[in-house]
N, C-alpha and C. Protein backbone atom coordinates (compact mmCIF):
# COMPACT_ATOMS: atom_id res chain seq x y z
N UNK A 1 0.98 -1.41 -0.24
CA UNK A 1 0.30 0.05 0.41
C UNK A 1 0.87 1.20 -0.02
N UNK A 2 1.95 1.28 0.51
CA UNK A 2 3.30 2.40 0.67
C UNK A 2 3.52 2.34 -0.52
N UNK A 3 3.87 1.29 -1.10
CA UNK A 3 4.62 1.58 -2.41
C UNK A 3 3.70 2.13 -3.54
N UNK A 4 2.49 2.11 -3.35
CA UNK A 4 1.26 1.94 -4.24
C UNK A 4 1.36 3.95 -4.14
N UNK A 5 1.46 3.84 -3.00
CA UNK A 5 0.76 5.80 -2.49
C UNK A 5 1.85 6.16 -2.91
N UNK A 6 3.25 5.99 -2.81
CA UNK A 6 4.64 6.48 -3.16
C UNK A 6 4.49 6.58 -4.74
N UNK A 7 4.20 5.24 -5.03
CA UNK A 7 4.20 5.88 -6.99
C UNK A 7 3.75 7.08 -7.24
N UNK A 8 2.31 6.26 -7.01
CA UNK A 8 1.18 7.77 -7.06
C UNK A 8 2.08 9.25 -6.87
N UNK A 9 2.17 9.43 -6.10
CA UNK A 9 2.94 10.58 -5.94
C UNK A 9 3.83 11.07 -6.86
N UNK A 10 5.21 10.17 -6.72
CA UNK A 10 5.75 10.38 -8.01
C UNK A 10 5.31 10.63 -9.02
N UNK A 11 4.13 10.04 -9.80
CA UNK A 11 3.86 9.93 -11.28
C UNK A 11 2.94 11.59 -11.02
N UNK A 12 2.04 11.95 -9.84
CA UNK A 12 2.10 13.25 -10.35
C UNK A 12 2.96 14.64 -9.63
N UNK A 13 3.87 13.86 -9.02
CA UNK A 13 4.32 14.75 -9.01
C UNK A 13 4.98 15.05 -10.52
N UNK A 14 5.66 14.32 -11.36
CA UNK A 14 6.03 14.21 -12.26
C UNK A 14 5.52 15.20 -13.50
N UNK A 15 4.18 14.63 -13.43
CA UNK A 15 3.44 15.23 -14.64
C UNK A 15 3.39 16.40 -14.08
N UNK A 16 3.38 17.08 -12.88
CA UNK A 16 2.93 18.64 -12.61
C UNK A 16 4.33 19.63 -13.31
N UNK A 17 5.06 18.30 -13.12
CA UNK A 17 6.74 19.44 -14.20
C UNK A 17 5.57 19.94 -15.62
N UNK A 18 5.36 18.98 -15.85
CA UNK A 18 5.13 18.89 -17.09
C UNK A 18 4.24 20.33 -17.52
N UNK A 19 4.33 20.55 -18.78
CA UNK A 19 3.21 21.59 -19.26
C UNK A 19 2.29 21.26 -19.58
N UNK A 20 2.01 19.80 -20.05
CA UNK A 20 0.30 19.42 -20.27
C UNK A 20 -0.21 18.92 -19.07
N UNK A 21 0.89 18.40 -18.10
CA UNK A 21 0.43 17.85 -17.06
C UNK A 21 -0.69 18.54 -16.16
N UNK A 22 0.65 20.07 -16.03
CA UNK A 22 -0.33 21.13 -15.60
C UNK A 22 -1.34 21.98 -15.84
N UNK A 23 -1.93 21.72 -17.35
CA UNK A 23 -3.24 21.87 -17.34
C UNK A 23 -4.36 20.79 -17.19
N UNK A 24 -3.53 19.70 -17.88
CA UNK A 24 -4.66 18.48 -16.98
C UNK A 24 -5.07 18.73 -15.67
N UNK A 25 -4.39 19.10 -14.35
CA UNK A 25 -4.10 19.24 -13.31
C UNK A 25 -5.85 20.36 -13.21
N UNK A 26 -4.88 21.31 -13.54
CA UNK A 26 -6.04 22.63 -13.27
C UNK A 26 -8.10 21.86 -14.28
N UNK A 27 -7.84 21.46 -15.60
CA UNK A 27 -8.92 20.67 -15.56
C UNK A 27 -9.44 20.18 -14.99
N UNK A 28 -8.70 18.98 -13.99
CA UNK A 28 -9.53 18.22 -13.06
C UNK A 28 -9.99 19.01 -11.58
N UNK A 29 -9.35 20.04 -11.31
CA UNK A 29 -8.98 20.47 -10.05
C UNK A 29 -10.75 21.77 -10.61
N UNK A 30 -10.69 21.92 -11.42
CA UNK A 30 -11.70 23.22 -11.99
C UNK A 30 -12.92 21.94 -11.78
N UNK A 31 -12.84 20.52 -12.44
CA UNK A 31 -13.89 19.95 -12.95
C UNK A 31 -14.96 19.63 -11.09
N UNK A 32 -13.59 19.67 -10.56
CA UNK A 32 -13.62 19.12 -8.68
C UNK A 32 -14.48 20.20 -8.13
N UNK A 33 -13.75 21.02 -8.45
CA UNK A 33 -14.53 22.18 -7.49
C UNK A 33 -15.69 22.39 -7.84
N UNK A 34 -16.39 22.73 -9.44
CA UNK A 34 -17.19 22.90 -9.94
C UNK A 34 -18.19 21.90 -9.17
N UNK A 35 -17.94 20.76 -9.21
CA UNK A 35 -18.80 19.98 -8.90
C UNK A 35 -19.53 19.56 -7.55
N UNK A 36 -17.97 19.62 -7.11
CA UNK A 36 -18.66 20.13 -5.36
C UNK A 36 -19.40 21.31 -4.90
N UNK A 37 -19.37 22.39 -5.93
CA UNK A 37 -20.02 23.49 -5.24
C UNK A 37 -21.68 22.93 -6.04
N UNK A 38 -21.59 22.71 -7.10
CA UNK A 38 -23.25 22.08 -8.13
C UNK A 38 -23.76 21.48 -7.15
N UNK A 39 -22.99 20.61 -6.49
CA UNK A 39 -23.28 19.36 -5.50
C UNK A 39 -24.36 20.03 -3.62
N UNK A 40 -23.43 21.30 -3.96
CA UNK A 40 -24.25 21.62 -1.96
C UNK A 40 -25.50 22.51 -2.59
N UNK A 41 -26.70 22.17 -1.93
CA UNK A 41 -28.23 23.06 -2.27
C UNK A 41 -27.95 24.14 -1.72
N UNK A 42 -27.55 23.90 -0.54
CA UNK A 42 -26.94 25.64 0.49
C UNK A 42 -26.91 26.59 -0.36
N UNK A 43 -25.37 26.31 -0.77
CA UNK A 43 -24.61 27.51 -0.87
C UNK A 43 -25.77 27.48 -2.75
N UNK A 44 -26.04 26.83 -3.24
CA UNK A 44 -26.81 27.74 -4.36
C UNK A 44 -28.06 28.41 -4.22
N UNK A 45 -28.81 28.34 -3.25
CA UNK A 45 -30.00 28.90 -3.25
C UNK A 45 -29.51 29.98 -2.40
N UNK A 46 -28.49 30.21 -2.13
CA UNK A 46 -27.90 31.39 -1.52
C UNK A 46 -27.56 31.83 -2.28
N UNK A 47 -26.45 31.45 -3.19
CA UNK A 47 -25.88 32.21 -4.80
C UNK A 47 -27.11 33.00 -5.31
N UNK A 48 -28.02 32.41 -5.61
CA UNK A 48 -28.98 32.17 -6.56
C UNK A 48 -29.84 34.14 -6.35
N UNK A 49 -29.64 33.87 -4.81
CA UNK A 49 -30.61 35.06 -4.33
C UNK A 49 -29.86 35.79 -4.68
N UNK A 50 -28.69 36.05 -4.34
CA UNK A 50 -28.09 36.81 -4.21
C UNK A 50 -28.02 37.55 -5.79
N UNK A 51 -27.67 36.74 -6.61
CA UNK A 51 -27.94 37.44 -8.25
C UNK A 51 -28.95 37.76 -8.64
N UNK A 52 -29.71 37.61 -7.86
CA UNK A 52 -31.12 37.71 -8.14
C UNK A 52 -30.88 39.26 -7.68
N UNK A 53 -31.27 39.35 -6.91
CA UNK A 53 -30.71 40.97 -5.93
C UNK A 53 -29.74 41.80 -7.15
N UNK A 54 -28.80 41.08 -6.84
CA UNK A 54 -27.80 41.86 -8.24
C UNK A 54 -28.55 42.29 -9.22
N UNK A 55 -29.46 41.75 -10.24
CA UNK A 55 -30.07 41.50 -10.89
C UNK A 55 -30.89 42.81 -11.56
N UNK A 56 -31.62 42.98 -10.13
CA UNK A 56 -32.88 43.42 -9.73
C UNK A 56 -32.34 44.69 -9.46
N UNK A 57 -31.16 45.39 -8.98
CA UNK A 57 -30.30 46.44 -8.43
C UNK A 57 -29.88 47.44 -10.06
N UNK A 58 -29.13 46.45 -10.63
CA UNK A 58 -28.64 47.00 -12.29
C UNK A 58 -30.16 47.07 -12.51
N UNK A 59 -30.90 46.20 -12.92
CA UNK A 59 -31.93 46.76 -13.72
C UNK A 59 -32.29 48.28 -12.86
N UNK A 60 -32.62 48.32 -11.99
CA UNK A 60 -33.22 49.74 -11.85
C UNK A 60 -32.19 51.01 -11.90
N UNK A 61 -30.48 50.54 -11.78
CA UNK A 61 -30.03 51.32 -11.51
C UNK A 61 -29.99 51.82 -13.44
N UNK A 62 -30.30 51.38 -13.69
CA UNK A 62 -30.19 50.87 -15.88
C UNK A 62 -31.24 52.06 -16.19
N UNK A 63 -32.24 51.81 -15.32
CA UNK A 63 -34.39 52.74 -15.83
C UNK A 63 -33.76 54.09 -15.41
N UNK A 64 -33.04 54.05 -13.97
CA UNK A 64 -32.87 56.03 -13.66
C UNK A 64 -31.79 56.14 -14.42
N UNK A 65 -30.60 55.66 -15.08
CA UNK A 65 -30.18 56.14 -15.85
C UNK A 65 -30.88 56.34 -17.31
N UNK A 66 -31.45 55.96 -18.54
CA UNK A 66 -32.00 56.06 -19.47
C UNK A 66 -32.74 57.90 -19.49
N UNK A 67 -32.83 58.12 -18.37
CA UNK A 67 -33.09 59.74 -18.87
C UNK A 67 -32.17 60.79 -19.17
N UNK A 68 -31.27 60.83 -17.81
CA UNK A 68 -29.92 61.13 -18.10
C UNK A 68 -29.29 60.85 -19.48
N UNK A 69 -29.02 59.83 -20.08
CA UNK A 69 -28.68 58.98 -21.35
C UNK A 69 -29.27 59.84 -22.33
N UNK A 70 -30.69 59.66 -22.53
CA UNK A 70 -31.35 60.67 -23.24
C UNK A 70 -30.76 62.22 -23.34
N UNK A 71 -31.13 63.22 -22.54
CA UNK A 71 -30.39 64.15 -22.27
C UNK A 71 -28.96 65.06 -22.48
N UNK A 72 -28.16 63.73 -22.27
CA UNK A 72 -26.38 63.88 -22.67
C UNK A 72 -26.74 63.46 -24.45
N UNK A 73 -27.32 62.83 -24.67
CA UNK A 73 -27.59 62.37 -26.30
C UNK A 73 -28.05 63.37 -27.31
N UNK A 74 -29.44 64.05 -26.39
CA UNK A 74 -29.99 65.09 -27.15
C UNK A 74 -29.24 66.15 -27.63
N UNK A 75 -28.41 66.74 -25.91
CA UNK A 75 -28.00 67.88 -26.10
C UNK A 75 -26.91 68.34 -27.33
N UNK A 76 -25.74 66.53 -26.97
CA UNK A 76 -24.56 66.79 -27.93
C UNK A 76 -25.16 66.66 -29.39
N UNK A 77 -26.49 66.37 -29.85
CA UNK A 77 -26.70 66.49 -31.67
C UNK A 77 -27.65 67.87 -31.74
N UNK A 78 -28.32 68.32 -30.93
CA UNK A 78 -28.51 69.77 -30.56
C UNK A 78 -27.04 70.77 -30.98
N UNK A 79 -26.16 70.65 -30.30
CA UNK A 79 -25.24 71.52 -30.59
C UNK A 79 -24.32 70.87 -31.60
N UNK A 80 -24.39 70.22 -32.02
CA UNK A 80 -23.82 69.49 -33.29
C UNK A 80 -24.86 70.29 -34.61
N UNK A 81 -26.17 69.95 -34.19
CA UNK A 81 -26.79 70.98 -35.03
C UNK A 81 -26.75 72.49 -35.43
N UNK A 82 -26.38 73.45 -34.21
CA UNK A 82 -25.95 74.61 -33.97
C UNK A 82 -24.64 75.09 -34.66
N UNK A 83 -24.03 74.41 -34.59
CA UNK A 83 -22.69 74.50 -35.12
C UNK A 83 -22.97 74.41 -37.05
N UNK A 84 -23.54 73.09 -36.98
CA UNK A 84 -23.26 73.22 -38.74
C UNK A 84 -24.19 74.06 -38.75
N UNK A 85 -25.58 75.25 -39.03
CA UNK A 85 -26.09 75.89 -38.79
C UNK A 85 -25.19 77.25 -38.76
N UNK A 86 -24.54 77.57 -38.15
CA UNK A 86 -23.93 78.45 -37.58
C UNK A 86 -22.41 77.97 -38.94
N UNK A 87 -21.82 77.72 -38.63
CA UNK A 87 -21.12 77.68 -39.90
C UNK A 87 -21.43 77.69 -41.22
N UNK A 88 -23.07 77.34 -41.69
CA UNK A 88 -23.05 77.47 -43.36
C UNK A 88 -23.92 79.36 -43.05
N UNK A 89 -24.13 79.27 -42.15
CA UNK A 89 -24.55 81.29 -41.83
C UNK A 89 -23.65 81.94 -42.20
N UNK A 90 -22.40 81.68 -41.75
CA UNK A 90 -21.50 82.32 -41.94
C UNK A 90 -20.46 82.65 -42.67
């Protein structure tokens, strides 16, 4: 049993030294982390509620920003038209 564990450790260490081995270890670690995160129901519902709250806040901020954006764009268009007609008049 000890030699198997030692051999597995040596194999893992050798694989971690090469670029493809590092990529494989990162991939396996990512998949394991994602699987563990998806497996927990308690954390998922809290995260879901947090993202829903964040989405609601973003929507309310966007709806408050539209009047300001339209005013700025309208004023820039008016300034551009004024300059155009002023240059033609002179």
